Amino acid sequence: MKLRLLALSLLAAAVLTACSAVDKSAEADTYKQPKIEAVEVSMEEYPKKIGELHQKLNDGFKDMQLIGAEESSEDRNKKIADQLQTIQDVVNEYKAIKAPAQYEEIHMMYLEAAKLYDEGLSYNRKGLAEQDNDTWQKADTYFADASAIWSEAFAQLSEITPIPLGDGTITTEDLKNLDKSAGIDRDAVRKNISEDGKELVGKWGFKDSKPSIVMYEDGKYEGYGNDAYPSKDNAFIGKWEWDDKRKLIVFTNEKLFKDGKETEMNRPTMTMEVLNFGDGQLFMRDIETLGDFRYESKEEQ
């Protein structure tokens, strides 16, 4: 059976597919949520604690990805079960925090994410125990939604105060400065693109080139290569959708034309993470190929 092990990076989610015959001796989902008494954390300690847990949760999913890459064995399945518990323990640590008044609203987001992580982990445990891939994969949606809320809470907190990461020698402010040197500004994406993504409507392309993509208000889109715009003899025709939680544009290709003839396409869906947006600039990264697209507005064409 194939298990899709979801791994979260600090700013994005990645999926690893690992092949295994799941061991039926793995425990069923007998996990019972413990009674957790939240302990008040001071205003000074809260960012430090969140930075610590952020790293631990991130590492927990990364380690799960590494386990998924191992050869199928009984030991591997035991490792998966143990790692699910490790991740669960970190999620429970978020619940054990009583946030100071200044950060109360942000922490409510973390608690909302924790509930979704609980649901996802439960499906993972059941899928592992029952040798059922469909049950295992039901976790993906919960993890994706949890990750989006978790990331948004972290982004909002980092706007208020730098958050120490790892051993505390670097902070979120340091990472933002590194990102900006590479043209990445996720705060600009959050601030400049509304929930419905209407700001993305228009024509976009490389500097000194014709439009490469056109996104319409009704959700339709056209993609062009090699300065083919506006001829549709060589173009992708389909739909686009803005995923505000994860800051992604999902392009669904319905038709592909080459030399005026409809042809088979090898990528029905393309998902782009928006890394910067504003002042007529759109910077995207293909989450599958990791290719970068630094576009500018082509509304005059």
Protein backbone atom coordinates (compact mmCIF):
# COMPACT_ATOMS: atom_id res chain seq x y z
CA MET A 1 0.00 0.00 0.00
CA LYS A 2 1.18 3.52 -0.71
CA LEU A 3 1.11 6.01 2.13
CA ARG A 4 1.36 9.68 1.29
CA LEU A 5 3.38 11.26 4.07
CA LEU A 6 2.73 14.97 4.39
CA ALA A 7 5.76 17.07 5.30
CA LEU A 8 5.54 20.77 6.19
CA SER A 9 8.37 23.22 5.60
CA LEU A 10 8.45 26.56 7.41
CA LEU A 11 6.54 28.23 4.62
CA ALA A 12 5.06 25.57 2.43
CA ALA A 13 3.81 22.00 2.33
CA ALA A 14 5.37 19.09 0.40
CA VAL A 15 4.03 15.59 -0.16
CA LEU A 16 6.16 12.44 -0.31
CA THR A 17 4.73 9.21 -1.68
CA ALA A 18 6.26 6.16 -0.02
CA CYS A 19 5.51 2.53 -0.88
CA SER A 20 4.94 0.03 1.88
CA ALA A 21 2.93 -2.98 2.91
CA VAL A 22 1.60 -1.72 6.20
CA ASP A 23 2.07 -4.06 9.11
CA LYS A 24 -1.29 -5.21 10.49
CA SER A 25 0.29 -5.48 13.91
CA ALA A 26 0.52 -1.69 14.05
CA GLU A 27 -1.68 -0.30 16.78
CA ALA A 28 -5.17 0.96 15.92
CA ASP A 29 -6.10 4.53 16.76
CA THR A 30 -6.52 3.93 20.45
CA TYR A 31 -5.03 7.36 21.22
CA LYS A 32 -7.02 9.31 23.78
CA GLN A 33 -6.63 13.05 24.02
CA PRO A 34 -5.10 13.88 27.40
CA LYS A 35 -6.60 16.46 29.70
CA ILE A 36 -4.40 19.51 29.19
CA GLU A 37 -4.20 22.35 31.67
CA ALA A 38 -3.06 25.51 29.90
CA VAL A 39 -0.24 27.35 31.67
CA GLU A 40 0.07 31.10 31.33
CA VAL A 41 3.10 32.29 29.39
CA SER A 42 4.48 35.82 29.75
CA MET A 43 4.51 38.35 26.93
CA GLU A 44 8.31 38.05 26.74
CA GLU A 45 8.35 34.25 26.71
CA TYR A 46 5.46 33.70 24.29
CA PRO A 47 7.39 34.45 21.03
CA LYS A 48 10.26 32.24 22.22
CA LYS A 49 7.90 29.38 23.00
CA ILE A 50 6.12 29.70 19.65
CA GLY A 51 9.46 29.75 17.83
CA GLU A 52 10.48 26.57 19.64
CA LEU A 53 7.21 24.78 18.84
CA HIS A 54 7.22 26.02 15.25
CA GLN A 55 10.60 24.41 14.72
CA LYS A 56 9.60 21.20 16.51
CA LEU A 57 6.42 20.77 14.44
CA ASN A 58 8.28 21.52 11.24
CA ASP A 59 10.99 19.01 12.16
CA GLY A 60 8.36 16.44 13.11
CA PHE A 61 6.86 16.40 9.64
CA LYS A 62 10.28 16.52 7.97
CA ASP A 63 11.35 13.46 9.96
CA MET A 64 8.15 11.72 8.87
CA GLN A 65 9.17 12.37 5.28
CA LEU A 66 12.57 10.77 5.88
CA ILE A 67 10.95 7.71 7.46
CA GLY A 68 8.68 7.40 4.43
CA ALA A 69 11.75 7.14 2.21
CA GLU A 70 13.05 4.07 4.07
CA GLU A 71 12.65 0.51 2.84
CA SER A 72 9.35 -1.09 3.75
CA SER A 73 9.64 -3.10 6.96
CA GLU A 74 7.94 -3.75 10.27
CA ASP A 75 10.47 -1.44 11.89
CA ARG A 76 9.54 1.33 9.44
CA ASN A 77 5.85 1.04 10.29
CA LYS A 78 6.68 1.23 13.99
CA LYS A 79 8.72 4.35 13.27
CA ILE A 80 5.74 5.90 11.45
CA ALA A 81 3.48 5.22 14.45
CA ASP A 82 6.06 6.66 16.85
CA GLN A 83 6.55 9.74 14.67
CA LEU A 84 2.81 10.38 14.55
CA GLN A 85 2.89 10.41 18.35
CA THR A 86 5.85 12.81 18.33
CA ILE A 87 3.91 15.21 16.14
CA GLN A 88 0.82 14.80 18.31
CA ASP A 89 2.86 15.68 21.41
CA VAL A 90 4.00 18.94 19.79
CA VAL A 91 0.43 19.81 18.81
CA ASN A 92 -0.59 19.23 22.43
CA GLU A 93 2.10 21.65 23.57
CA TYR A 94 0.32 24.44 21.69
CA LYS A 95 -2.84 23.58 23.64
CA ALA A 96 -0.90 23.79 26.91
CA ILE A 97 -0.20 27.51 26.42
CA LYS A 98 -2.36 30.25 27.91
CA ALA A 99 -1.34 33.24 25.85
CA PRO A 100 -0.93 36.76 27.27
CA ALA A 101 -3.70 39.20 26.33
CA GLN A 102 -1.63 40.83 23.56
CA TYR A 103 -1.33 37.52 21.70
CA GLU A 104 -4.69 35.97 22.60
CA GLU A 105 -6.24 36.28 19.13
CA ILE A 106 -3.16 34.85 17.46
CA HIS A 107 -3.11 31.91 19.84
CA MET A 108 -6.76 31.20 19.07
CA MET A 109 -5.58 30.58 15.50
CA TYR A 110 -3.00 28.10 16.78
CA LEU A 111 -5.70 26.29 18.75
CA GLU A 112 -7.88 26.16 15.63
CA ALA A 113 -4.95 24.66 13.71
CA ALA A 114 -4.36 22.19 16.55
CA LYS A 115 -7.91 20.80 16.18
CA LEU A 116 -7.30 20.21 12.48
CA TYR A 117 -3.95 18.56 13.16
CA ASP A 118 -5.74 16.29 15.67
CA GLU A 119 -8.21 15.22 12.97
CA GLY A 120 -5.47 14.58 10.43
CA LEU A 121 -3.33 12.58 12.82
CA SER A 122 -6.34 10.47 13.78
CA TYR A 123 -6.90 9.54 10.12
CA ASN A 124 -3.20 8.73 9.76
CA ARG A 125 -3.29 6.42 12.76
CA LYS A 126 -6.43 4.69 11.50
CA GLY A 127 -5.04 4.35 7.98
CA LEU A 128 -1.81 2.86 9.28
CA ALA A 129 -3.60 0.38 11.53
CA GLU A 130 -6.24 -0.64 8.96
CA GLN A 131 -3.84 -0.82 6.02
CA ASP A 132 -6.18 1.58 4.23
CA ASN A 133 -4.70 4.17 1.92
CA ASP A 134 -7.96 6.08 1.48
CA THR A 135 -8.28 6.57 5.22
CA TRP A 136 -4.64 7.69 5.47
CA GLN A 137 -5.12 10.24 2.68
CA LYS A 138 -8.14 11.81 4.37
CA ALA A 139 -5.58 13.50 6.62
CA ASP A 140 -4.20 15.59 3.76
CA THR A 141 -7.02 18.11 3.69
CA TYR A 142 -6.90 18.59 7.46
CA PHE A 143 -3.13 19.04 7.40
CA ALA A 144 -3.31 21.53 4.53
CA ASP A 145 -5.93 23.64 6.31
CA ALA A 146 -4.08 23.39 9.61
CA SER A 147 -0.81 24.41 7.96
CA ALA A 148 -2.45 27.45 6.37
CA ILE A 149 -3.84 28.68 9.70
CA TRP A 150 -0.60 27.78 11.53
CA SER A 151 1.45 29.74 8.98
CA GLU A 152 -0.90 32.72 9.12
CA ALA A 153 -0.68 32.84 12.93
CA PHE A 154 3.11 32.71 12.70
CA ALA A 155 3.14 35.48 10.08
CA GLN A 156 0.92 37.72 12.19
CA LEU A 157 3.04 37.17 15.27
CA SER A 158 6.26 37.88 13.35
CA GLU A 159 4.78 41.22 12.24
CA ILE A 160 4.44 42.22 15.88
CA THR A 161 7.77 40.91 17.17
CA PRO A 162 10.80 38.97 15.89
CA ILE A 163 10.47 35.27 16.74
CA PRO A 164 13.63 33.35 17.71
CA LEU A 165 14.12 30.15 15.71
CA GLY A 166 16.21 27.03 16.35
CA ASP A 167 18.83 27.83 18.98
CA GLY A 168 17.72 31.46 18.98
CA THR A 169 20.67 32.81 17.01
CA ILE A 170 18.37 33.81 14.15
CA THR A 171 14.88 35.30 14.17
CA THR A 172 12.02 35.60 11.72
CA GLU A 173 13.26 39.12 10.98
CA ASP A 174 16.59 37.69 9.81
CA LEU A 175 14.76 35.23 7.52
CA LYS A 176 12.60 38.01 6.09
CA ASN A 177 15.71 40.01 5.27
CA LEU A 178 17.21 36.99 3.49
CA ASP A 179 13.97 36.50 1.57
CA LYS A 180 13.85 40.13 0.51
CA SER A 181 17.37 39.88 -0.87
CA ALA A 182 15.98 37.16 -3.17
CA GLY A 183 12.92 39.23 -4.09
CA ILE A 184 10.58 37.33 -1.78
CA ASP A 185 8.12 39.28 0.36
CA ARG A 186 5.33 37.15 1.78
CA ASP A 187 4.04 40.03 3.88
CA ALA A 188 3.37 41.92 0.64
CA VAL A 189 1.43 38.93 -0.67
CA ARG A 190 -0.72 38.84 2.45
CA LYS A 191 -1.34 42.58 2.38
CA ASN A 192 -1.83 43.11 -1.35
CA ILE A 193 -3.97 40.13 -2.37
CA SER A 194 -7.45 39.91 -0.91
CA GLU A 195 -9.29 36.71 -0.06
CA ASP A 196 -10.93 36.43 -3.50
CA GLY A 197 -7.68 37.17 -5.35
CA LYS A 198 -9.24 39.86 -7.55
CA GLU A 199 -5.96 41.77 -7.67
CA LEU A 200 -4.47 38.94 -9.77
CA VAL A 201 -6.89 39.51 -12.64
CA GLY A 202 -5.07 40.78 -15.72
CA LYS A 203 -2.22 40.08 -18.11
CA TRP A 204 1.18 39.06 -16.77
CA GLY A 205 4.48 38.27 -18.44
CA PHE A 206 8.26 38.55 -18.36
CA LYS A 207 9.97 41.90 -18.76
CA ASP A 208 10.17 43.09 -22.38
CA SER A 209 7.89 40.23 -23.50
CA LYS A 210 4.28 39.71 -24.43
CA PRO A 211 1.85 38.34 -21.82
CA SER A 212 2.52 34.78 -20.67
CA ILE A 213 -0.69 34.37 -18.70
CA VAL A 214 -4.05 36.10 -18.71
CA MET A 215 -6.32 35.66 -15.68
CA TYR A 216 -9.92 36.70 -16.14
CA GLU A 217 -12.40 37.86 -13.51
CA ASP A 218 -14.70 34.90 -14.26
CA GLY A 219 -11.97 32.41 -13.36
CA LYS A 220 -10.86 31.55 -16.88
CA TYR A 221 -7.22 31.73 -17.87
CA GLU A 222 -4.96 31.51 -20.91
CA GLY A 223 -1.27 30.61 -20.94
CA TYR A 224 1.15 31.49 -23.73
CA GLY A 225 4.76 30.62 -24.53
CA ASN A 226 7.37 32.12 -26.85
CA ASP A 227 5.54 35.44 -27.22
CA ALA A 228 2.59 33.67 -28.86
CA TYR A 229 0.01 36.06 -27.35
CA PRO A 230 -2.70 36.79 -28.48
CA SER A 231 -2.88 33.85 -30.92
CA LYS A 232 -4.51 30.81 -29.38
CA ASP A 233 -2.85 28.49 -31.88
CA ASN A 234 -0.23 27.77 -29.20
CA ALA A 235 -1.84 28.21 -25.84
CA PHE A 236 -3.20 26.63 -22.68
CA ILE A 237 -6.89 27.26 -22.03
CA GLY A 238 -8.38 26.62 -18.62
CA LYS A 239 -9.30 28.01 -15.21
CA TRP A 240 -7.44 29.64 -12.35
CA GLU A 241 -8.23 29.72 -8.64
CA TRP A 242 -6.69 31.65 -5.76
CA ASP A 243 -6.07 29.63 -2.59
CA ASP A 244 -5.88 32.42 -0.04
CA LYS A 245 -5.05 30.20 2.93
CA ARG A 246 -1.94 28.79 1.29
CA LYS A 247 -1.18 31.76 -1.00
CA LEU A 248 -1.28 29.59 -4.11
CA ILE A 249 -2.63 30.04 -7.63
CA VAL A 250 -3.96 26.76 -9.02
CA PHE A 251 -4.14 26.63 -12.81
CA THR A 252 -6.32 23.89 -14.26
CA ASN A 253 -5.51 23.26 -17.93
CA GLU A 254 -8.55 22.11 -19.89
CA LYS A 255 -7.14 22.37 -23.42
CA LEU A 256 -3.70 22.68 -25.02
CA PHE A 257 -3.23 23.87 -28.58
CA LYS A 258 -0.07 23.45 -30.66
CA ASP A 259 0.05 24.89 -34.15
CA GLY A 260 -3.70 25.36 -34.02
CA LYS A 261 -4.49 21.75 -33.10
CA GLU A 262 -5.69 20.52 -29.73
CA THR A 263 -3.18 18.11 -28.26
CA GLU A 264 -2.66 16.02 -25.13
CA MET A 265 -1.18 17.82 -22.15
CA ASN A 266 1.24 16.39 -19.62
CA ARG A 267 0.30 18.74 -16.75
CA PRO A 268 -3.45 19.12 -16.23
CA THR A 269 -2.79 21.15 -13.08
CA MET A 270 -0.06 23.64 -12.23
CA THR A 271 0.20 25.08 -8.72
CA MET A 272 2.16 28.27 -8.12
CA GLU A 273 3.15 29.72 -4.76
CA VAL A 274 3.01 33.52 -4.84
CA LEU A 275 6.22 34.85 -3.28
CA ASN A 276 5.78 38.58 -3.90
CA PHE A 277 3.05 40.82 -5.24
CA GLY A 278 2.69 44.57 -5.62
CA ASP A 279 3.60 47.60 -7.74
CA GLY A 280 2.79 45.73 -10.94
CA GLN A 281 5.01 42.76 -10.05
CA LEU A 282 4.00 39.10 -9.61
CA PHE A 283 6.65 36.61 -8.43
CA MET A 284 5.56 32.94 -8.45
CA ARG A 285 7.25 29.56 -7.91
CA ASP A 286 6.01 26.29 -9.39
CA ILE A 287 5.75 23.99 -6.36
CA GLU A 288 6.37 20.90 -8.49
CA THR A 289 9.30 22.00 -10.68
CA LEU A 290 10.49 24.83 -8.36
CA GLY A 291 10.79 27.07 -11.43
CA ASP A 292 10.51 30.81 -10.75
CA PHE A 293 8.33 33.23 -12.73
CA ARG A 294 9.00 36.93 -12.21
CA TYR A 295 6.19 38.62 -14.09
CA GLU A 296 5.12 42.21 -14.52
CA SER A 297 1.76 43.65 -15.45
CA LYS A 298 1.07 43.74 -19.20
CA GLU A 299 -2.26 45.54 -19.06
CA GLU A 300 -1.26 47.88 -21.87
CA GLN A 301 -0.98 44.96 -24.32
